[in-house]
């Protein structure tokens, strides 16, 4: 995946992920979501359960759900 440094016209979405409790959890979720096409950055925060995703266009929520599931966690929806 190519990481864009120019975020002009990008879409930022914040998701709520259940079950994250540490830095390793944050890394697992971030790594899986980062593999989705068009994603330029992911920031997961275990304390709040929030995952902020910046992408070229709006992401399909089912694709995000599948990525979070692959990491071993549950997508609770958008924050």
Foldseek 3Di string as FASTA:
>chain_A
DDADPDLVQKDKFKWAWPDQDDPVLQVLLFVLVCPDPFWRGWGADRVRRIIITIGNDDDDVVSSQVSNVVSPIGTPGTD
